[in-house]
Amino acid sequence: MDKLIWNIPIKTVSEANSSEHWTVSSKRHRSQQFLIRALFHSLHSPIQLPCKITLTRKNKRFLDEDDNLPMAFKWIKDEIALCIFPEKRTFYLNRKGRSVSIKGHGDNDPQIKWEYSQEKSQIPGIRIVIEPLIEIPV
């Protein structure tokens, strides 16, 4: 697998400082995850592990790099990890007896190194770069 580069017109906001109604954020999260899933379904070969994934936020204003930038990519990161490690999806039964999927367990795998960056742009969006890590034998 060579280096993958995707530029996607997805709006990202800091989830830590967001004070919007829950339906607005839920709709944004679902659309982010849908677009990420669609990109991974279009791949013809699996992601080579170990790999480095760089998530770049493109927007007019910068976010705080320590706290808010990783939080802006929370749902995107969870969906990328789920697409790479579908076996890490877990389920639970809710009060109505329906099976509900829990995401967010694959992003702590040591085979993936996550990096975040941001750049100024008039058109908001994100760039996802996935590149294999080549380990040098000692």
Protein backbone atom coordinates (compact mmCIF):
# COMPACT_ATOMS: atom_id res chain seq x y z
CA MET A 1 0.00 0.00 0.00
CA ASP A 2 1.28 3.41 -0.89
CA LYS A 3 0.45 6.63 0.87
CA LEU A 4 -3.27 7.50 0.85
CA ILE A 5 -4.35 11.14 0.83
CA TRP A 6 -7.99 12.15 1.13
CA ASN A 7 -9.28 15.73 1.14
CA ILE A 8 -12.82 15.85 2.45
CA PRO A 9 -15.14 18.87 2.86
CA ILE A 10 -16.19 17.99 6.42
CA LYS A 11 -16.92 20.62 9.04
CA THR A 12 -15.07 20.03 12.31
CA VAL A 13 -15.57 21.86 15.57
CA SER A 14 -14.06 21.39 18.98
CA GLU A 15 -16.34 18.97 20.77
CA ALA A 16 -14.93 20.17 24.12
CA ASN A 17 -16.18 23.75 23.68
CA SER A 18 -19.35 23.07 21.72
CA SER A 19 -22.57 24.42 23.19
CA GLU A 20 -24.92 23.49 20.38
CA HIS A 21 -28.08 21.42 20.63
CA TRP A 22 -27.44 17.68 20.75
CA THR A 23 -29.36 17.06 17.51
CA VAL A 24 -27.05 19.40 15.58
CA SER A 25 -23.91 17.69 16.84
CA SER A 26 -25.42 14.24 16.34
CA LYS A 27 -26.23 15.03 12.71
CA ARG A 28 -22.65 16.29 12.15
CA HIS A 29 -21.19 13.15 13.76
CA ARG A 30 -23.32 10.85 11.61
CA SER A 31 -22.36 12.66 8.40
CA GLN A 32 -18.66 12.59 9.34
CA GLN A 33 -18.81 8.86 10.01
CA PHE A 34 -20.79 8.16 6.84
CA LEU A 35 -18.20 9.92 4.65
CA ILE A 36 -15.29 8.13 6.31
CA ARG A 37 -17.01 4.74 5.90
CA ALA A 38 -17.70 5.48 2.22
CA LEU A 39 -14.02 6.28 1.64
CA PHE A 40 -12.89 3.03 3.25
CA HIS A 41 -15.43 0.99 1.27
CA SER A 42 -13.94 2.40 -1.93
CA LEU A 43 -10.49 0.98 -1.09
CA HIS A 44 -9.40 -2.05 -3.08
CA SER A 45 -6.72 -3.21 -0.64
CA PRO A 46 -6.54 -3.25 3.15
CA ILE A 47 -4.54 -0.74 5.14
CA GLN A 48 -1.01 -1.97 5.77
CA LEU A 49 -0.15 -2.06 9.46
CA PRO A 50 1.68 -0.52 11.25
CA CYS A 51 0.77 2.88 9.85
CA LYS A 52 0.76 6.56 10.64
CA ILE A 53 -2.46 8.52 10.21
CA THR A 54 -2.23 12.30 10.05
CA LEU A 55 -5.46 14.24 10.45
CA THR A 56 -5.24 17.85 9.26
CA ARG A 57 -7.99 20.37 9.97
CA LYS A 58 -8.38 23.08 7.33
CA ASN A 59 -10.25 26.18 8.49
CA LYS A 60 -10.03 29.97 8.78
CA ARG A 61 -9.20 29.81 12.49
CA PHE A 62 -6.87 27.58 14.46
CA LEU A 63 -7.87 25.50 17.46
CA ASP A 64 -5.78 24.90 20.55
CA GLU A 65 -3.45 22.07 19.55
CA ASP A 66 -3.32 20.32 22.91
CA ASP A 67 -7.01 19.94 23.76
CA ASN A 68 -9.39 21.13 21.08
CA LEU A 69 -7.70 19.86 17.92
CA PRO A 70 -7.80 16.16 18.92
CA MET A 71 -11.38 16.61 20.18
CA ALA A 72 -12.45 18.00 16.80
CA PHE A 73 -11.38 14.69 15.23
CA LYS A 74 -12.92 12.41 17.87
CA TRP A 75 -15.74 10.94 15.78
CA ILE A 76 -13.62 10.80 12.63
CA LYS A 77 -10.83 8.98 14.46
CA ASP A 78 -13.27 6.46 15.94
CA GLU A 79 -14.71 5.68 12.51
CA ILE A 80 -11.27 5.31 10.87
CA ALA A 81 -10.19 2.90 13.60
CA LEU A 82 -13.42 0.94 13.23
CA CYS A 83 -12.88 0.62 9.47
CA ILE A 84 -9.35 -0.68 10.02
CA PHE A 85 -10.25 -2.96 12.96
CA PRO A 86 -13.89 -4.06 12.47
CA GLU A 87 -13.39 -6.89 14.96
CA LYS A 88 -13.03 -4.36 17.81
CA ARG A 89 -16.67 -3.25 17.55
CA THR A 90 -18.61 -4.17 20.66
CA PHE A 91 -22.35 -4.33 21.33
CA TYR A 92 -24.69 -4.01 24.27
CA LEU A 93 -28.44 -4.39 24.73
CA ASN A 94 -30.32 -1.20 25.55
CA ARG A 95 -33.45 -0.99 27.72
CA LYS A 96 -35.67 -1.86 24.76
CA GLY A 97 -33.66 -5.00 24.06
CA ARG A 98 -32.05 -3.67 20.89
CA SER A 99 -28.41 -4.32 20.10
CA VAL A 100 -26.44 -1.05 20.03
CA SER A 101 -22.94 -0.73 18.58
CA ILE A 102 -20.17 0.92 20.60
CA LYS A 103 -17.37 2.55 18.63
CA GLY A 104 -14.10 3.92 19.87
CA HIS A 105 -12.22 0.83 20.99
CA GLY A 106 -9.87 0.49 18.02
CA ASP A 107 -8.18 3.87 18.13
CA ASN A 108 -5.87 2.85 20.98
CA ASP A 109 -4.22 0.06 19.00
CA PRO A 110 -0.40 0.40 19.05
CA GLN A 111 -0.18 -0.41 15.33
CA ILE A 112 -1.53 3.04 14.48
CA LYS A 113 0.33 6.26 15.24
CA TRP A 114 -2.03 9.27 15.25
CA GLU A 115 -0.87 12.79 14.45
CA TYR A 116 -2.84 16.03 14.24
CA SER A 117 -2.16 19.26 12.38
CA GLN A 118 -4.05 22.26 11.09
CA GLU A 119 -3.69 24.80 8.33
CA LYS A 120 -5.45 27.94 7.26
CA SER A 121 -7.93 27.62 4.43
CA GLN A 122 -10.92 29.60 3.20
CA ILE A 123 -12.77 26.36 2.49
CA PRO A 124 -13.28 24.21 5.62
CA GLY A 125 -12.43 20.55 5.47
CA ILE A 126 -9.99 17.88 6.55
CA ARG A 127 -7.11 15.96 5.03
CA ILE A 128 -6.46 12.35 5.99
CA VAL A 129 -3.03 10.92 5.18
CA ILE A 130 -2.43 7.22 5.80
CA GLU A 131 1.09 5.99 5.23
CA PRO A 132 2.73 2.70 6.19
CA LEU A 133 5.42 2.76 8.85
CA ILE A 134 8.44 0.88 7.69
CA GLU A 135 10.34 -0.58 10.59
CA ILE A 136 14.09 -0.63 10.15
CA PRO A 137 15.65 -3.89 11.36
CA VAL A 138 18.28 -3.45 14.05
